[in-house]
């Protein structure tokens, strides 16, 4: 039963994320986001939602391309590609307008119909390298959205 719960929650959450609608409603009040590469954490429904919104709409204009979803007892794993345009400062690099592509995975814990934890295996160094290369090549920066 918990596997079906995770499946229903994740499918609805990903639909809302792609549609840029209220995906925060799928988070527990004390949800925790961890970027596994850096160890950075964000805690709380509003803080995690705002972090994801900023990454997908302010730093990049991006949406996930789902490759695979796996479900277990109160867990889910997303395999996806992060595809977007660099529109805001990231890792000290001003907006370049560069199209970035990076594979990533997120492990989700689901309990009581809500996502309680997200562990993102997002290759920050890959994104940084793509942007640094574009910046070094002298590509024109685009203004950050207001």
N, C-alpha and C. Protein backbone atom coordinates (compact mmCIF):
# COMPACT_ATOMS: atom_id res chain seq x y z
N UNK A 1 0.82 -1.20 0.00
CA UNK A 1 0.00 0.00 0.00
C UNK A 1 0.86 1.25 0.00
N UNK A 2 1.94 1.28 0.77
CA UNK A 2 2.81 2.45 0.82
C UNK A 2 3.47 2.71 -0.53
N UNK A 3 3.69 1.63 -1.30
CA UNK A 3 4.26 1.80 -2.65
C UNK A 3 3.27 2.55 -3.54
N UNK A 4 1.99 2.20 -3.46
CA UNK A 4 0.96 2.91 -4.23
C UNK A 4 0.85 4.35 -3.79
N UNK A 5 0.98 4.60 -2.48
CA UNK A 5 0.96 5.96 -1.94
C UNK A 5 2.09 6.78 -2.56
N UNK A 6 3.29 6.22 -2.55
CA UNK A 6 4.45 6.91 -3.13
C UNK A 6 4.23 7.17 -4.62
N UNK A 7 3.71 6.20 -5.32
CA UNK A 7 3.45 6.34 -6.76
C UNK A 7 2.47 7.48 -7.03
N UNK A 8 1.35 7.50 -6.31
CA UNK A 8 0.33 8.53 -6.52
C UNK A 8 0.88 9.92 -6.19
N UNK A 9 1.56 10.03 -5.07
CA UNK A 9 2.11 11.33 -4.65
C UNK A 9 3.14 11.83 -5.65
N UNK A 10 4.07 10.97 -6.05
CA UNK A 10 5.14 11.40 -6.96
C UNK A 10 4.61 11.77 -8.34
N UNK A 11 3.68 10.99 -8.86
CA UNK A 11 3.14 11.32 -10.17
C UNK A 11 2.40 12.66 -10.14
N UNK A 12 1.64 12.92 -9.11
CA UNK A 12 0.94 14.20 -8.98
C UNK A 12 1.94 15.34 -8.77
N UNK A 13 2.94 15.12 -7.92
CA UNK A 13 3.98 16.12 -7.65
C UNK A 13 4.73 16.49 -8.93
N UNK A 14 5.16 15.49 -9.68
CA UNK A 14 5.92 15.77 -10.92
C UNK A 14 5.06 16.48 -11.95
N UNK A 15 3.78 16.13 -12.02
CA UNK A 15 2.88 16.84 -12.93
C UNK A 15 2.79 18.31 -12.56
N UNK A 16 2.65 18.60 -11.26
CA UNK A 16 2.58 19.99 -10.80
C UNK A 16 3.90 20.71 -11.03
N UNK A 17 5.03 20.02 -10.82
CA UNK A 17 6.34 20.63 -11.05
C UNK A 17 6.51 21.01 -12.53
N UNK A 18 6.15 20.10 -13.41
CA UNK A 18 6.27 20.38 -14.86
C UNK A 18 5.33 21.50 -15.28
N UNK A 19 4.12 21.52 -14.70
CA UNK A 19 3.12 22.54 -15.06
C UNK A 19 3.35 23.87 -14.36
N UNK A 20 4.31 23.87 -13.41
CA UNK A 20 4.59 25.05 -12.59
C UNK A 20 3.37 25.49 -11.80
N UNK A 21 2.64 24.49 -11.32
CA UNK A 21 1.53 24.78 -10.41
C UNK A 21 1.98 24.47 -8.98
N UNK A 22 1.08 24.42 -8.03
CA UNK A 22 1.42 24.33 -6.61
C UNK A 22 1.91 22.94 -6.21
N UNK A 23 3.18 22.63 -6.48
CA UNK A 23 3.74 21.34 -6.10
C UNK A 23 4.08 21.29 -4.61
N UNK A 24 4.17 22.44 -3.95
CA UNK A 24 4.49 22.49 -2.53
C UNK A 24 3.45 21.79 -1.67
N UNK A 25 2.25 21.63 -2.18
CA UNK A 25 1.19 20.97 -1.41
C UNK A 25 1.49 19.49 -1.16
N UNK A 26 2.48 18.95 -1.88
CA UNK A 26 2.85 17.55 -1.69
C UNK A 26 3.95 17.36 -0.65
N UNK A 27 4.42 18.46 -0.04
CA UNK A 27 5.49 18.40 0.95
C UNK A 27 4.93 18.38 2.37
N UNK A 28 5.57 17.59 3.21
CA UNK A 28 5.27 17.63 4.64
C UNK A 28 5.76 18.97 5.19
N UNK A 29 5.19 19.46 6.28
CA UNK A 29 5.61 20.76 6.84
C UNK A 29 7.12 20.82 7.13
N UNK A 30 7.71 19.70 7.54
CA UNK A 30 9.13 19.67 7.89
C UNK A 30 9.99 18.95 6.84
N UNK A 31 9.55 18.97 5.59
CA UNK A 31 10.28 18.31 4.50
C UNK A 31 11.73 18.80 4.46
N UNK A 32 12.63 17.91 4.06
CA UNK A 32 14.06 18.25 4.00
C UNK A 32 14.60 17.93 2.60
N UNK A 33 15.21 18.94 1.97
CA UNK A 33 15.93 18.80 0.70
C UNK A 33 17.42 18.72 1.02
N UNK A 34 18.12 17.74 0.45
CA UNK A 34 19.56 17.65 0.59
C UNK A 34 20.18 17.53 -0.79
N UNK A 35 21.10 18.44 -1.12
CA UNK A 35 21.89 18.32 -2.34
C UNK A 35 23.07 17.44 -1.97
N UNK A 36 23.07 16.21 -2.45
CA UNK A 36 24.03 15.22 -1.99
C UNK A 36 25.48 15.57 -2.34
N UNK A 37 25.71 16.22 -3.46
CA UNK A 37 27.07 16.57 -3.86
C UNK A 37 27.72 17.56 -2.90
N UNK A 38 26.93 18.49 -2.40
CA UNK A 38 27.48 19.56 -1.55
C UNK A 38 27.13 19.40 -0.08
N UNK A 39 26.09 18.63 0.20
CA UNK A 39 25.61 18.49 1.58
C UNK A 39 24.69 19.62 2.01
N UNK A 40 24.43 20.57 1.13
CA UNK A 40 23.54 21.68 1.46
C UNK A 40 22.13 21.15 1.73
N UNK A 41 21.47 21.75 2.72
CA UNK A 41 20.12 21.33 3.08
C UNK A 41 19.19 22.53 3.16
N UNK A 42 17.94 22.26 2.83
CA UNK A 42 16.87 23.24 2.95
C UNK A 42 15.75 22.51 3.69
N UNK A 43 15.18 23.15 4.71
CA UNK A 43 14.17 22.48 5.53
C UNK A 43 12.90 23.32 5.60
N UNK A 44 11.77 22.65 5.48
CA UNK A 44 10.46 23.29 5.60
C UNK A 44 9.76 23.38 4.25
N UNK A 45 8.44 23.22 4.29
CA UNK A 45 7.63 23.21 3.07
C UNK A 45 7.87 24.45 2.20
N UNK A 46 7.73 25.63 2.77
CA UNK A 46 7.88 26.85 1.98
C UNK A 46 9.31 27.03 1.48
N UNK A 47 10.29 26.73 2.33
CA UNK A 47 11.69 26.92 1.96
C UNK A 47 12.10 25.97 0.83
N UNK A 48 11.66 24.71 0.91
CA UNK A 48 12.00 23.75 -0.15
C UNK A 48 11.29 24.13 -1.44
N UNK A 49 10.01 24.48 -1.33
CA UNK A 49 9.27 24.91 -2.53
C UNK A 49 9.95 26.11 -3.18
N UNK A 50 10.31 27.12 -2.37
CA UNK A 50 10.93 28.33 -2.90
C UNK A 50 12.29 28.02 -3.54
N UNK A 51 13.05 27.11 -2.94
CA UNK A 51 14.34 26.71 -3.49
C UNK A 51 14.17 26.08 -4.88
N UNK A 52 13.21 25.16 -5.00
CA UNK A 52 12.97 24.49 -6.28
C UNK A 52 12.44 25.48 -7.31
N UNK A 53 11.53 26.35 -6.91
CA UNK A 53 11.00 27.36 -7.82
C UNK A 53 12.13 28.25 -8.34
N UNK A 54 12.99 28.71 -7.44
CA UNK A 54 14.10 29.58 -7.85
C UNK A 54 15.03 28.86 -8.83
N UNK A 55 15.33 27.60 -8.55
CA UNK A 55 16.25 26.85 -9.41
C UNK A 55 15.65 26.64 -10.81
N UNK A 56 14.33 26.45 -10.88
CA UNK A 56 13.67 26.17 -12.16
C UNK A 56 13.16 27.41 -12.89
N UNK A 57 13.08 28.57 -12.21
CA UNK A 57 12.51 29.74 -12.87
C UNK A 57 13.36 31.00 -12.78
N UNK A 58 14.28 31.08 -11.82
CA UNK A 58 15.08 32.28 -11.65
C UNK A 58 16.54 32.07 -12.02
N UNK A 59 17.11 30.96 -11.58
CA UNK A 59 18.50 30.64 -11.92
C UNK A 59 18.56 30.01 -13.31
N UNK A 60 17.62 29.14 -13.57
CA UNK A 60 17.46 28.50 -14.89
C UNK A 60 15.99 28.59 -15.27
N UNK A 61 15.72 28.57 -16.54
CA UNK A 61 14.37 28.35 -17.02
C UNK A 61 14.36 26.89 -17.44
N UNK A 62 13.87 26.02 -16.56
CA UNK A 62 14.06 24.58 -16.77
C UNK A 62 12.86 23.77 -16.31
N UNK A 63 12.77 22.61 -16.88
CA UNK A 63 11.79 21.60 -16.46
C UNK A 63 12.50 20.25 -16.51
N UNK A 64 12.10 19.33 -15.63
CA UNK A 64 12.73 18.01 -15.68
C UNK A 64 12.20 17.18 -16.85
N UNK A 65 13.08 16.40 -17.44
CA UNK A 65 12.69 15.41 -18.43
C UNK A 65 12.80 14.05 -17.75
N UNK A 66 11.67 13.46 -17.43
CA UNK A 66 11.65 12.20 -16.69
C UNK A 66 12.10 11.06 -17.59
N UNK A 67 13.04 10.29 -17.08
CA UNK A 67 13.52 9.10 -17.79
C UNK A 67 12.92 7.85 -17.15
N UNK A 68 12.94 7.81 -15.81
CA UNK A 68 12.49 6.63 -15.10
C UNK A 68 11.97 7.01 -13.72
N UNK A 69 10.98 6.28 -13.26
CA UNK A 69 10.49 6.41 -11.89
C UNK A 69 10.41 5.01 -11.30
N UNK A 70 10.98 4.86 -10.12
CA UNK A 70 10.94 3.59 -9.41
C UNK A 70 10.28 3.82 -8.06
N UNK A 71 9.46 2.85 -7.64
CA UNK A 71 8.71 3.02 -6.40
C UNK A 71 8.96 1.84 -5.47
N UNK A 72 9.00 2.14 -4.18
CA UNK A 72 9.12 1.12 -3.16
C UNK A 72 8.19 1.46 -2.01
N UNK A 73 8.40 0.82 -0.89
CA UNK A 73 7.57 1.02 0.29
C UNK A 73 7.90 2.38 0.92
N UNK A 74 7.12 3.40 0.58
CA UNK A 74 7.34 4.74 1.12
C UNK A 74 8.50 5.47 0.49
N UNK A 75 8.94 5.01 -0.67
CA UNK A 75 10.07 5.64 -1.35
C UNK A 75 9.82 5.72 -2.85
N UNK A 76 10.56 6.61 -3.47
CA UNK A 76 10.54 6.70 -4.93
C UNK A 76 11.89 7.24 -5.38
N UNK A 77 12.28 6.85 -6.57
CA UNK A 77 13.51 7.35 -7.19
C UNK A 77 13.14 7.89 -8.56
N UNK A 78 13.57 9.11 -8.81
CA UNK A 78 13.39 9.75 -10.11
C UNK A 78 14.73 9.79 -10.81
N UNK A 79 14.77 9.30 -12.04
CA UNK A 79 15.93 9.49 -12.92
C UNK A 79 15.46 10.45 -14.00
N UNK A 80 16.21 11.54 -14.19
CA UNK A 80 15.76 12.57 -15.11
C UNK A 80 16.94 13.30 -15.74
N UNK A 81 16.60 14.18 -16.66
CA UNK A 81 17.58 15.12 -17.23
C UNK A 81 17.11 16.52 -16.87
N UNK A 82 18.05 17.32 -16.37
CA UNK A 82 17.79 18.73 -16.11
C UNK A 82 18.15 19.47 -17.38
N UNK A 83 17.15 20.08 -18.02
CA UNK A 83 17.36 20.80 -19.27
C UNK A 83 16.82 22.21 -19.07
N UNK A 84 17.67 23.19 -19.27
CA UNK A 84 17.22 24.55 -19.07
C UNK A 84 18.16 25.58 -19.63
N UNK A 85 17.74 26.82 -19.54
CA UNK A 85 18.53 27.96 -19.99
C UNK A 85 18.96 28.74 -18.76
N UNK A 86 20.24 29.09 -18.71
CA UNK A 86 20.81 29.81 -17.58
C UNK A 86 20.37 31.27 -17.63
N UNK A 87 19.50 31.66 -16.68
CA UNK A 87 18.92 33.01 -16.70
C UNK A 87 19.25 33.85 -15.47
N UNK A 88 19.91 33.25 -14.48
CA UNK A 88 20.26 33.98 -13.26
C UNK A 88 21.61 33.52 -12.74
N UNK A 89 22.15 34.24 -11.78
CA UNK A 89 23.46 33.87 -11.25
C UNK A 89 23.44 32.48 -10.63
N UNK A 90 24.45 31.70 -10.97
CA UNK A 90 24.61 30.35 -10.42
C UNK A 90 26.07 30.11 -10.13
N UNK A 91 26.39 29.76 -8.91
CA UNK A 91 27.77 29.44 -8.50
C UNK A 91 28.73 30.57 -8.87
N UNK A 92 28.25 31.82 -8.72
CA UNK A 92 29.08 32.97 -9.00
C UNK A 92 29.19 33.32 -10.47
N UNK A 93 28.49 32.60 -11.33
CA UNK A 93 28.53 32.86 -12.77
C UNK A 93 27.27 33.64 -13.16
N UNK A 94 27.45 34.84 -13.71
CA UNK A 94 26.27 35.62 -14.11
C UNK A 94 25.54 34.93 -15.26
N UNK A 95 24.29 35.32 -15.53
CA UNK A 95 23.50 34.67 -16.57
C UNK A 95 24.22 34.68 -17.92
N UNK A 96 24.20 33.53 -18.58
CA UNK A 96 24.87 33.40 -19.88
C UNK A 96 23.89 33.13 -21.02
N UNK A 97 22.67 32.72 -20.69
CA UNK A 97 21.72 32.32 -21.73
C UNK A 97 22.04 30.95 -22.30
N UNK A 98 22.97 30.25 -21.68
CA UNK A 98 23.41 28.94 -22.16
C UNK A 98 22.39 27.86 -21.85
N UNK A 99 22.18 26.98 -22.80
CA UNK A 99 21.35 25.80 -22.59
C UNK A 99 22.21 24.77 -21.87
N UNK A 100 21.72 24.26 -20.74
CA UNK A 100 22.43 23.24 -19.99
C UNK A 100 21.64 21.94 -19.98
N UNK A 101 22.37 20.85 -19.89
CA UNK A 101 21.76 19.53 -19.79
C UNK A 101 22.59 18.73 -18.80
N UNK A 102 21.93 18.16 -17.81
CA UNK A 102 22.64 17.34 -16.82
C UNK A 102 21.73 16.22 -16.33
N UNK A 103 22.26 15.00 -16.29
CA UNK A 103 21.47 13.91 -15.73
C UNK A 103 21.44 14.05 -14.21
N UNK A 104 20.33 13.62 -13.60
CA UNK A 104 20.25 13.66 -12.15
C UNK A 104 19.25 12.63 -11.64
N UNK A 105 19.33 12.37 -10.36
CA UNK A 105 18.39 11.49 -9.66
C UNK A 105 17.97 12.17 -8.36
N UNK A 106 16.75 11.90 -7.95
CA UNK A 106 16.27 12.35 -6.65
C UNK A 106 15.63 11.15 -5.97
N UNK A 107 16.03 10.92 -4.72
CA UNK A 107 15.40 9.90 -3.88
C UNK A 107 14.40 10.60 -2.99
N UNK A 108 13.18 10.09 -2.95
CA UNK A 108 12.10 10.68 -2.17
C UNK A 108 11.65 9.73 -1.07
N UNK A 109 11.38 10.27 0.10
CA UNK A 109 10.70 9.54 1.16
C UNK A 109 9.28 10.07 1.20
N UNK A 110 8.31 9.17 1.28
CA UNK A 110 6.90 9.55 1.29
C UNK A 110 6.23 8.87 2.48
N UNK A 111 5.50 9.67 3.25
CA UNK A 111 4.78 9.15 4.40
C UNK A 111 3.48 9.93 4.58
N UNK A 112 2.40 9.21 4.81
CA UNK A 112 1.11 9.87 5.05
C UNK A 112 0.65 10.72 3.88
N UNK A 113 1.01 10.31 2.67
CA UNK A 113 0.58 11.04 1.48
C UNK A 113 1.37 12.30 1.18
N UNK A 114 2.50 12.50 1.88
CA UNK A 114 3.33 13.69 1.67
C UNK A 114 4.80 13.30 1.50
N UNK A 115 5.53 14.11 0.77
CA UNK A 115 6.97 13.93 0.61
C UNK A 115 7.64 14.50 1.86
N UNK A 116 8.44 13.67 2.52
CA UNK A 116 9.09 14.10 3.76
C UNK A 116 10.58 14.40 3.56
N UNK A 117 11.17 13.87 2.50
CA UNK A 117 12.58 14.13 2.23
C UNK A 117 12.86 13.96 0.74
N UNK A 118 13.78 14.81 0.25
CA UNK A 118 14.28 14.72 -1.13
C UNK A 118 15.80 14.75 -1.04
N UNK A 119 16.45 13.74 -1.60
CA UNK A 119 17.91 13.69 -1.66
C UNK A 119 18.29 13.77 -3.13
N UNK A 120 18.81 14.94 -3.54
CA UNK A 120 19.07 15.22 -4.95
C UNK A 120 20.51 14.92 -5.30
N UNK A 121 20.68 14.00 -6.22
CA UNK A 121 21.99 13.67 -6.77
C UNK A 121 22.11 14.44 -8.08
N UNK A 122 22.30 15.75 -7.92
CA UNK A 122 22.37 16.69 -9.03
C UNK A 122 23.82 17.11 -9.20
N UNK A 123 24.40 16.88 -10.38
CA UNK A 123 25.82 17.17 -10.58
C UNK A 123 26.09 18.67 -10.74
N UNK A 124 26.20 19.34 -9.60
CA UNK A 124 26.45 20.78 -9.59
C UNK A 124 27.72 21.12 -10.36
N UNK A 125 28.76 20.29 -10.23
CA UNK A 125 30.02 20.57 -10.94
C UNK A 125 29.85 20.49 -12.45
N UNK A 126 28.97 19.63 -12.93
CA UNK A 126 28.69 19.54 -14.37
C UNK A 126 28.02 20.82 -14.85
N UNK A 127 27.02 21.28 -14.10
CA UNK A 127 26.35 22.53 -14.48
C UNK A 127 27.34 23.70 -14.45
N UNK A 128 28.12 23.77 -13.39
CA UNK A 128 29.11 24.84 -13.25
C UNK A 128 30.10 24.81 -14.41
N UNK A 129 30.56 23.63 -14.80
CA UNK A 129 31.51 23.51 -15.91
C UNK A 129 30.89 23.96 -17.23
N UNK A 130 29.65 23.59 -17.48
CA UNK A 130 28.98 24.01 -18.72
C UNK A 130 28.86 25.53 -18.78
N UNK A 131 28.53 26.14 -17.64
CA UNK A 131 28.37 27.59 -17.61
C UNK A 131 29.71 28.31 -17.67
N UNK A 132 30.72 27.77 -17.02
CA UNK A 132 32.05 28.38 -17.06
C UNK A 132 32.59 28.35 -18.48
N UNK A 133 32.36 27.25 -19.18
CA UNK A 133 32.81 27.14 -20.57
C UNK A 133 32.12 28.19 -21.44
N UNK A 134 30.81 28.35 -21.24
CA UNK A 134 30.06 29.35 -22.01
C UNK A 134 30.55 30.76 -21.67
N UNK A 135 30.79 31.00 -20.40
CA UNK A 135 31.25 32.32 -19.96
C UNK A 135 32.64 32.62 -20.55
N UNK A 136 33.52 31.63 -20.53
CA UNK A 136 34.87 31.81 -21.07
C UNK A 136 34.84 32.02 -22.58
N UNK A 137 33.86 31.43 -23.24
CA UNK A 137 33.73 31.59 -24.69
C UNK A 137 33.16 32.95 -25.05
N UNK A 138 32.79 33.72 -24.03
CA UNK A 138 32.31 35.09 -24.26
C UNK A 138 30.89 35.18 -24.74
N UNK A 139 30.09 34.18 -24.43
CA UNK A 139 28.68 34.25 -24.83
C UNK A 139 28.02 35.41 -24.12
N UNK A 140 27.11 36.04 -24.77
CA UNK A 140 26.42 37.20 -24.23
C UNK A 140 25.52 36.81 -23.09
N UNK A 141 25.61 37.52 -22.01
CA UNK A 141 24.75 37.28 -20.86
C UNK A 141 23.37 37.83 -21.14
N UNK A 142 22.36 37.18 -20.56
CA UNK A 142 20.99 37.67 -20.69
C UNK A 142 20.60 38.28 -19.35
N UNK A 143 19.74 39.26 -19.37
CA UNK A 143 19.33 39.87 -18.09
C UNK A 143 18.54 38.87 -17.24
N UNK A 144 18.71 38.95 -15.95
CA UNK A 144 17.97 38.09 -15.04
C UNK A 144 16.51 38.50 -15.04
N UNK A 145 15.59 37.52 -14.88
CA UNK A 145 14.17 37.88 -14.84
C UNK A 145 13.87 38.73 -13.61
N UNK A 146 12.85 39.56 -13.71
CA UNK A 146 12.48 40.44 -12.60
C UNK A 146 11.34 39.88 -11.83
